[in-house]
Amino acid sequence: MTVKKIISFLVLFLLIGFAVGEGNYKPTVTNKKCTGCNECVGACPVKAITKINDKAVIDPEKCIGCMICVQTCSWGAVE
């Protein structure tokens, strides 16, 4: 996959996220489901997700509500 396609998909996910959640909903992490795999950390376009004690934590102040983390999490830990 080319960089141009990756950027296009990222923009598409951002637009879908804003259309669905209108940027108002802030996702949360269910610690029992989180495996600490870093999928959501790497996917967050605004770096609002960090890891504490090997679990993802979302900073609601930085989060823009794009929902990319929800779509990215293979474990269903981000809701």
PDB file of N, CA and C in Angstrom:
ATOM      1  N   MET A   1       0.856  -1.174   0.000  1.00  0.00           N
ATOM      2  CA  MET A   1       0.000   0.000   0.000  1.00  0.00           C
ATOM      3  C   MET A   1       0.901   1.235   0.000  1.00  0.00           C
ATOM      4  N   THR A   2       0.592   2.161  -0.853  1.00  0.00           N
ATOM      5  CA  THR A   2       1.400   3.370  -0.980  1.00  0.00           C
ATOM      6  C   THR A   2       1.055   4.378   0.122  1.00  0.00           C
ATOM      7  N   VAL A   3       1.952   5.294   0.333  1.00  0.00           N
ATOM      8  CA  VAL A   3       1.734   6.338   1.341  1.00  0.00           C
ATOM      9  C   VAL A   3       0.500   7.161   0.986  1.00  0.00           C
ATOM     10  N   LYS A   4       0.315   7.413  -0.286  1.00  0.00           N
ATOM     11  CA  LYS A   4      -0.837   8.204  -0.734  1.00  0.00           C
ATOM     12  C   LYS A   4      -2.154   7.495  -0.380  1.00  0.00           C
ATOM     13  N   LYS A   5      -2.195   6.173  -0.558  1.00  0.00           N
ATOM     14  CA  LYS A   5      -3.400   5.419  -0.218  1.00  0.00           C
ATOM     15  C   LYS A   5      -3.628   5.407   1.293  1.00  0.00           C
ATOM     16  N   ILE A   6      -2.558   5.272   2.047  1.00  0.00           N
ATOM     17  CA  ILE A   6      -2.684   5.269   3.500  1.00  0.00           C
ATOM     18  C   ILE A   6      -3.243   6.597   3.980  1.00  0.00           C
ATOM     19  N   ILE A   7      -2.732   7.691   3.442  1.00  0.00           N
ATOM     20  CA  ILE A   7      -3.232   9.015   3.817  1.00  0.00           C
ATOM     21  C   ILE A   7      -4.693   9.171   3.410  1.00  0.00           C
ATOM     22  N   SER A   8      -5.042   8.663   2.239  1.00  0.00           N
ATOM     23  CA  SER A   8      -6.436   8.728   1.785  1.00  0.00           C
ATOM     24  C   SER A   8      -7.358   7.967   2.728  1.00  0.00           C
ATOM     25  N   PHE A   9      -6.927   6.778   3.158  1.00  0.00           N
ATOM     26  CA  PHE A   9      -7.729   6.001   4.097  1.00  0.00           C
ATOM     27  C   PHE A   9      -7.848   6.712   5.441  1.00  0.00           C
ATOM     28  N   LEU A  10      -6.772   7.321   5.887  1.00  0.00           N
ATOM     29  CA  LEU A  10      -6.802   8.051   7.151  1.00  0.00           C
ATOM     30  C   LEU A  10      -7.801   9.198   7.091  1.00  0.00           C
ATOM     31  N   VAL A  11      -7.775   9.952   6.009  1.00  0.00           N
ATOM     32  CA  VAL A  11      -8.717  11.059   5.830  1.00  0.00           C
ATOM     33  C   VAL A  11     -10.150  10.525   5.778  1.00  0.00           C
ATOM     34  N   LEU A  12     -10.339   9.412   5.072  1.00  0.00           N
ATOM     35  CA  LEU A  12     -11.672   8.806   4.978  1.00  0.00           C
ATOM     36  C   LEU A  12     -12.168   8.391   6.367  1.00  0.00           C
ATOM     37  N   PHE A  13     -11.304   7.726   7.162  1.00  0.00           N
ATOM     38  CA  PHE A  13     -11.696   7.317   8.508  1.00  0.00           C
ATOM     39  C   PHE A  13     -12.016   8.520   9.384  1.00  0.00           C
ATOM     40  N   LEU A  14     -11.244   9.590   9.245  1.00  0.00           N
ATOM     41  CA  LEU A  14     -11.532  10.803  10.014  1.00  0.00           C
ATOM     42  C   LEU A  14     -12.900  11.356   9.656  1.00  0.00           C
ATOM     43  N   LEU A  15     -13.193  11.416   8.367  1.00  0.00           N
ATOM     44  CA  LEU A  15     -14.489  11.943   7.922  1.00  0.00           C
ATOM     45  C   LEU A  15     -15.634  11.056   8.384  1.00  0.00           C
ATOM     46  N   ILE A  16     -15.455   9.739   8.292  1.00  0.00           N
ATOM     47  CA  ILE A  16     -16.487   8.811   8.753  1.00  0.00           C
ATOM     48  C   ILE A  16     -16.679   8.962  10.257  1.00  0.00           C
ATOM     49  N   GLY A  17     -15.575   9.049  10.973  1.00  0.00           N
ATOM     50  CA  GLY A  17     -15.660   9.203  12.421  1.00  0.00           C
ATOM     51  C   GLY A  17     -16.420  10.452  12.822  1.00  0.00           C
ATOM     52  N   PHE A  18     -16.136  11.565  12.167  1.00  0.00           N
ATOM     53  CA  PHE A  18     -16.844  12.799  12.482  1.00  0.00           C
ATOM     54  C   PHE A  18     -18.306  12.725  12.063  1.00  0.00           C
ATOM     55  N   ALA A  19     -18.591  12.071  10.953  1.00  0.00           N
ATOM     56  CA  ALA A  19     -19.971  11.957  10.498  1.00  0.00           C
ATOM     57  C   ALA A  19     -20.794  11.103  11.457  1.00  0.00           C
ATOM     58  N   VAL A  20     -20.202  10.021  11.947  1.00  0.00           N
ATOM     59  CA  VAL A  20     -20.919   9.124  12.843  1.00  0.00           C
ATOM     60  C   VAL A  20     -21.018   9.713  14.244  1.00  0.00           C
ATOM     61  N   GLY A  21     -19.895  10.161  14.772  1.00  0.00           N
ATOM     62  CA  GLY A  21     -19.873  10.642  16.149  1.00  0.00           C
ATOM     63  C   GLY A  21     -19.896  12.139  16.268  1.00  0.00           C
ATOM     64  N   GLU A  22     -19.809  12.820  15.163  1.00  0.00           N
ATOM     65  CA  GLU A  22     -19.785  14.271  15.116  1.00  0.00           C
ATOM     66  C   GLU A  22     -18.707  14.851  16.013  1.00  0.00           C
ATOM     67  N   GLY A  23     -17.693  14.040  16.344  1.00  0.00           N
ATOM     68  CA  GLY A  23     -16.591  14.523  17.154  1.00  0.00           C
ATOM     69  C   GLY A  23     -16.930  14.752  18.614  1.00  0.00           C
ATOM     70  N   ASN A  24     -18.170  14.453  19.029  1.00  0.00           N
ATOM     71  CA  ASN A  24     -18.584  14.705  20.401  1.00  0.00           C
ATOM     72  C   ASN A  24     -18.347  13.515  21.317  1.00  0.00           C
ATOM     73  N   TYR A  25     -18.466  12.306  20.798  1.00  0.00           N
ATOM     74  CA  TYR A  25     -18.287  11.111  21.613  1.00  0.00           C
ATOM     75  C   TYR A  25     -16.807  10.844  21.793  1.00  0.00           C
ATOM     76  N   LYS A  26     -16.399  10.589  23.009  1.00  0.00           N
ATOM     77  CA  LYS A  26     -15.010  10.265  23.310  1.00  0.00           C
ATOM     78  C   LYS A  26     -14.947   8.785  23.686  1.00  0.00           C
ATOM     79  N   PRO A  27     -14.235   7.982  22.920  1.00  0.00           N
ATOM     80  CA  PRO A  27     -14.157   6.550  23.215  1.00  0.00           C
ATOM     81  C   PRO A  27     -13.418   6.288  24.526  1.00  0.00           C
ATOM     82  N   THR A  28     -13.661   5.117  25.080  1.00  0.00           N
ATOM     83  CA  THR A  28     -12.991   4.683  26.299  1.00  0.00           C
ATOM     84  C   THR A  28     -12.394   3.297  26.084  1.00  0.00           C
ATOM     85  N   VAL A  29     -11.487   2.918  26.951  1.00  0.00           N
ATOM     86  CA  VAL A  29     -10.828   1.624  26.859  1.00  0.00           C
ATOM     87  C   VAL A  29     -11.319   0.730  27.991  1.00  0.00           C
ATOM     88  N   THR A  30     -11.715  -0.489  27.642  1.00  0.00           N
ATOM     89  CA  THR A  30     -12.066  -1.497  28.644  1.00  0.00           C
ATOM     90  C   THR A  30     -10.790  -2.243  28.987  1.00  0.00           C
ATOM     91  N   ASN A  31     -10.261  -2.000  30.181  1.00  0.00           N
ATOM     92  CA  ASN A  31      -8.970  -2.562  30.574  1.00  0.00           C
ATOM     93  C   ASN A  31      -8.918  -4.079  30.496  1.00  0.00           C
ATOM     94  N   LYS A  32     -10.016  -4.757  30.815  1.00  0.00           N
ATOM     95  CA  LYS A  32     -10.021  -6.221  30.787  1.00  0.00           C
ATOM     96  C   LYS A  32      -9.822  -6.761  29.379  1.00  0.00           C
ATOM     97  N   LYS A  33     -10.236  -6.003  28.372  1.00  0.00           N
ATOM     98  CA  LYS A  33     -10.091  -6.443  26.974  1.00  0.00           C
ATOM     99  C   LYS A  33      -8.774  -5.992  26.342  1.00  0.00           C
ATOM    100  N   CYS A  34      -8.184  -4.932  26.870  1.00  0.00           N
ATOM    101  CA  CYS A  34      -6.974  -4.354  26.273  1.00  0.00           C
ATOM    102  C   CYS A  34      -5.783  -5.293  26.465  1.00  0.00           C
ATOM    103  N   THR A  35      -5.115  -5.610  25.353  1.00  0.00           N
ATOM    104  CA  THR A  35      -3.944  -6.490  25.401  1.00  0.00           C
ATOM    105  C   THR A  35      -2.634  -5.712  25.370  1.00  0.00           C
ATOM    106  N   GLY A  36      -2.720  -4.391  25.205  1.00  0.00           N
ATOM    107  CA  GLY A  36      -1.512  -3.569  25.137  1.00  0.00           C
ATOM    108  C   GLY A  36      -0.771  -3.711  23.825  1.00  0.00           C
ATOM    109  N   CYS A  37      -1.479  -4.020  22.763  1.00  0.00           N
ATOM    110  CA  CYS A  37      -0.863  -4.318  21.459  1.00  0.00           C
ATOM    111  C   CYS A  37      -0.366  -3.077  20.708  1.00  0.00           C
ATOM    112  N   ASN A  38      -0.790  -1.892  21.102  1.00  0.00           N
ATOM    113  CA  ASN A  38      -0.400  -0.617  20.476  1.00  0.00           C
ATOM    114  C   ASN A  38      -1.095  -0.294  19.166  1.00  0.00           C
ATOM    115  N   GLU A  39      -2.074  -1.081  18.729  1.00  0.00           N
ATOM    116  CA  GLU A  39      -2.781  -0.766  17.481  1.00  0.00           C
ATOM    117  C   GLU A  39      -3.425   0.613  17.549  1.00  0.00           C
ATOM    118  N   CYS A  40      -4.143   0.870  18.622  1.00  0.00           N
ATOM    119  CA  CYS A  40      -4.847   2.151  18.756  1.00  0.00           C
ATOM    120  C   CYS A  40      -3.877   3.303  18.971  1.00  0.00           C
ATOM    121  N   VAL A  41      -2.800   3.041  19.706  1.00  0.00           N
ATOM    122  CA  VAL A  41      -1.798   4.072  19.969  1.00  0.00           C
ATOM    123  C   VAL A  41      -1.215   4.582  18.652  1.00  0.00           C
ATOM    124  N   GLY A  42      -0.855   3.654  17.774  1.00  0.00           N
ATOM    125  CA  GLY A  42      -0.272   4.021  16.487  1.00  0.00           C
ATOM    126  C   GLY A  42      -1.268   4.635  15.521  1.00  0.00           C
ATOM    127  N   ALA A  43      -2.544   4.293  15.682  1.00  0.00           N
ATOM    128  CA  ALA A  43      -3.570   4.767  14.747  1.00  0.00           C
ATOM    129  C   ALA A  43      -4.090   6.159  15.070  1.00  0.00           C
ATOM    130  N   CYS A  44      -3.948   6.596  16.307  1.00  0.00           N
ATOM    131  CA  CYS A  44      -4.515   7.884  16.716  1.00  0.00           C
ATOM    132  C   CYS A  44      -3.801   9.043  16.015  1.00  0.00           C
ATOM    133  N   PRO A  45      -4.548   9.829  15.220  1.00  0.00           N
ATOM    134  CA  PRO A  45      -3.917  10.909  14.461  1.00  0.00           C
ATOM    135  C   PRO A  45      -3.471  12.093  15.318  1.00  0.00           C
ATOM    136  N   VAL A  46      -3.996  12.205  16.547  1.00  0.00           N
ATOM    137  CA  VAL A  46      -3.636  13.332  17.400  1.00  0.00           C
ATOM    138  C   VAL A  46      -2.845  12.899  18.629  1.00  0.00           C
ATOM    139  N   LYS A  47      -2.418  11.654  18.643  1.00  0.00           N
ATOM    140  CA  LYS A  47      -1.598  11.112  19.745  1.00  0.00           C
ATOM    141  C   LYS A  47      -2.277  11.278  21.103  1.00  0.00           C
ATOM    142  N   ALA A  48      -3.589  10.998  21.143  1.00  0.00           N
ATOM    143  CA  ALA A  48      -4.348  11.114  22.389  1.00  0.00           C
ATOM    144  C   ALA A  48      -4.314   9.833  23.212  1.00  0.00           C
ATOM    145  N   ILE A  49      -3.690   8.777  22.679  1.00  0.00           N
ATOM    146  CA  ILE A  49      -3.661   7.496  23.382  1.00  0.00           C
ATOM    147  C   ILE A  49      -2.235   7.166  23.792  1.00  0.00           C
ATOM    148  N   THR A  50      -2.082   6.852  25.054  1.00  0.00           N
ATOM    149  CA  THR A  50      -0.791   6.417  25.588  1.00  0.00           C
ATOM    150  C   THR A  50      -1.024   5.103  26.334  1.00  0.00           C
ATOM    151  N   LYS A  51       0.060   4.508  26.797  1.00  0.00           N
ATOM    152  CA  LYS A  51      -0.068   3.285  27.577  1.00  0.00           C
ATOM    153  C   LYS A  51       0.401   3.533  29.001  1.00  0.00           C
ATOM    154  N   ILE A  52      -0.407   3.063  29.938  1.00  0.00           N
ATOM    155  CA  ILE A  52      -0.057   3.097  31.342  1.00  0.00           C
ATOM    156  C   ILE A  52      -0.250   1.682  31.880  1.00  0.00           C
ATOM    157  N   ASN A  53       0.797   1.134  32.471  1.00  0.00           N
ATOM    158  CA  ASN A  53       0.760  -0.244  32.965  1.00  0.00           C
ATOM    159  C   ASN A  53       0.329  -1.224  31.873  1.00  0.00           C
ATOM    160  N   ASP A  54       0.878  -1.047  30.680  1.00  0.00           N
ATOM    161  CA  ASP A  54       0.614  -1.909  29.522  1.00  0.00           C
ATOM    162  C   ASP A  54      -0.836  -1.905  29.046  1.00  0.00           C
ATOM    163  N   LYS A  55      -1.587  -0.859  29.359  1.00  0.00           N
ATOM    164  CA  LYS A  55      -2.968  -0.706  28.893  1.00  0.00           C
ATOM    165  C   LYS A  55      -3.122   0.657  28.233  1.00  0.00           C
ATOM    166  N   ALA A  56      -3.936   0.711  27.194  1.00  0.00           N
ATOM    167  CA  ALA A  56      -4.178   1.969  26.498  1.00  0.00           C
ATOM    168  C   ALA A  56      -5.030   2.898  27.363  1.00  0.00           C
ATOM    169  N   VAL A  57      -4.688   4.173  27.325  1.00  0.00           N
ATOM    170  CA  VAL A  57      -5.433   5.211  28.049  1.00  0.00           C
ATOM    171  C   VAL A  57      -5.652   6.370  27.085  1.00  0.00           C
ATOM    172  N   ILE A  58      -6.888   6.814  26.974  1.00  0.00           N
ATOM    173  CA  ILE A  58      -7.235   7.907  26.057  1.00  0.00           C
ATOM    174  C   ILE A  58      -7.373   9.212  26.843  1.00  0.00           C
ATOM    175  N   ASP A  59      -6.650  10.223  26.398  1.00  0.00           N
ATOM    176  CA  ASP A  59      -6.736  11.549  27.008  1.00  0.00           C
ATOM    177  C   ASP A  59      -7.913  12.291  26.367  1.00  0.00           C
ATOM    178  N   PRO A  60      -9.003  12.489  27.111  1.00  0.00           N
ATOM    179  CA  PRO A  60     -10.185  13.136  26.524  1.00  0.00           C
ATOM    180  C   PRO A  60      -9.940  14.579  26.088  1.00  0.00           C
ATOM    181  N   GLU A  61      -8.928  15.219  26.655  1.00  0.00           N
ATOM    182  CA  GLU A  61      -8.610  16.599  26.258  1.00  0.00           C
ATOM    183  C   GLU A  61      -7.996  16.643  24.852  1.00  0.00           C
ATOM    184  N   LYS A  62      -7.228  15.636  24.506  1.00  0.00           N
ATOM    185  CA  LYS A  62      -6.587  15.581  23.188  1.00  0.00           C
ATOM    186  C   LYS A  62      -7.468  14.902  22.147  1.00  0.00           C
ATOM    187  N   CYS A  63      -8.328  13.990  22.589  1.00  0.00           N
ATOM    188  CA  CYS A  63      -9.165  13.189  21.679  1.00  0.00           C
ATOM    189  C   CYS A  63     -10.111  14.090  20.876  1.00  0.00           C
ATOM    190  N   ILE A  64     -10.162  13.850  19.557  1.00  0.00           N
ATOM    191  CA  ILE A  64     -11.050  14.633  18.693  1.00  0.00           C
ATOM    192  C   ILE A  64     -12.313  13.856  18.323  1.00  0.00           C
ATOM    193  N   GLY A  65     -12.446  12.640  18.839  1.00  0.00           N
ATOM    194  CA  GLY A  65     -13.653  11.852  18.593  1.00  0.00           C
ATOM    195  C   GLY A  65     -13.752  11.272  17.198  1.00  0.00           C
ATOM    196  N   CYS A  66     -12.626  11.053  16.535  1.00  0.00           N
ATOM    197  CA  CYS A  66     -12.657  10.549  15.151  1.00  0.00           C
ATOM    198  C   CYS A  66     -13.008   9.065  15.064  1.00  0.00           C
ATOM    199  N   MET A  67     -12.853   8.336  16.156  1.00  0.00           N
ATOM    200  CA  MET A  67     -13.212   6.922  16.273  1.00  0.00           C
ATOM    201  C   MET A  67     -12.300   5.964  15.506  1.00  0.00           C
ATOM    202  N   ILE A  68     -11.168   6.442  15.035  1.00  0.00           N
ATOM    203  CA  ILE A  68     -10.225   5.559  14.347  1.00  0.00           C
ATOM    204  C   ILE A  68      -9.747   4.463  15.291  1.00  0.00           C
ATOM    205  N   CYS A  69      -9.552   4.796  16.553  1.00  0.00           N
ATOM    206  CA  CYS A  69      -9.093   3.806  17.527  1.00  0.00           C
ATOM    207  C   CYS A  69     -10.114   2.680  17.692  1.00  0.00           C
ATOM    208  N   VAL A  70     -11.386   3.016  17.677  1.00  0.00           N
ATOM    209  CA  VAL A  70     -12.443   2.015  17.798  1.00  0.00           C
ATOM    210  C   VAL A  70     -12.412   1.074  16.598  1.00  0.00           C
ATOM    211  N   GLN A  71     -12.223   1.651  15.414  1.00  0.00           N
ATOM    212  CA  GLN A  71     -12.190   0.855  14.190  1.00  0.00           C
ATOM    213  C   GLN A  71     -10.915   0.026  14.099  1.00  0.00           C
ATOM    214  N   THR A  72      -9.843   0.471  14.720  1.00  0.00           N
ATOM    215  CA  THR A  72      -8.546  -0.179  14.624  1.00  0.00           C
ATOM    216  C   THR A  72      -8.396  -1.326  15.615  1.00  0.00           C
ATOM    217  N   CYS A  73      -8.985  -1.207  16.782  1.00  0.00           N
ATOM    218  CA  CYS A  73      -8.766  -2.192  17.859  1.00  0.00           C
ATOM    219  C   CYS A  73      -9.319  -3.568  17.476  1.00  0.00           C
ATOM    220  N   SER A  74      -8.413  -4.524  17.340  1.00  0.00           N
ATOM    221  CA  SER A  74      -8.796  -5.895  16.977  1.00  0.00           C
ATOM    222  C   SER A  74      -9.459  -6.636  18.128  1.00  0.00           C
ATOM    223  N   TRP A  75      -9.319  -6.126  19.328  1.00  0.00           N
ATOM    224  CA  TRP A  75      -9.791  -6.834  20.524  1.00  0.00           C
ATOM    225  C   TRP A  75     -11.113  -6.294  21.047  1.00  0.00           C
ATOM    226  N   GLY A  76     -11.617  -5.225  20.450  1.00  0.00           N
ATOM    227  CA  GLY A  76     -12.867  -4.641  20.909  1.00  0.00           C
ATOM    228  C   GLY A  76     -12.743  -3.951  22.257  1.00  0.00           C
ATOM    229  N   ALA A  77     -11.524  -3.564  22.600  1.00  0.00           N
ATOM    230  CA  ALA A  77     -11.288  -2.929  23.899  1.00  0.00           C
ATOM    231  C   ALA A  77     -11.599  -1.441  23.886  1.00  0.00           C
ATOM    232  N   VAL A  78     -11.593  -0.831  22.722  1.00  0.00           N
ATOM    233  CA  VAL A  78     -11.880   0.604  22.621  1.00  0.00           C
ATOM    234  C   VAL A  78     -13.311   0.744  22.119  1.00  0.00           C
ATOM    235  N   GLU A  79     -14.130   1.385  22.947  1.00  0.00           N
ATOM    236  CA  GLU A  79     -15.551   1.519  22.609  1.00  0.00           C
ATOM    237  C   GLU A  79     -15.998   2.958  22.750  1.00  0.00           C
TER     238      GLU A  79
END
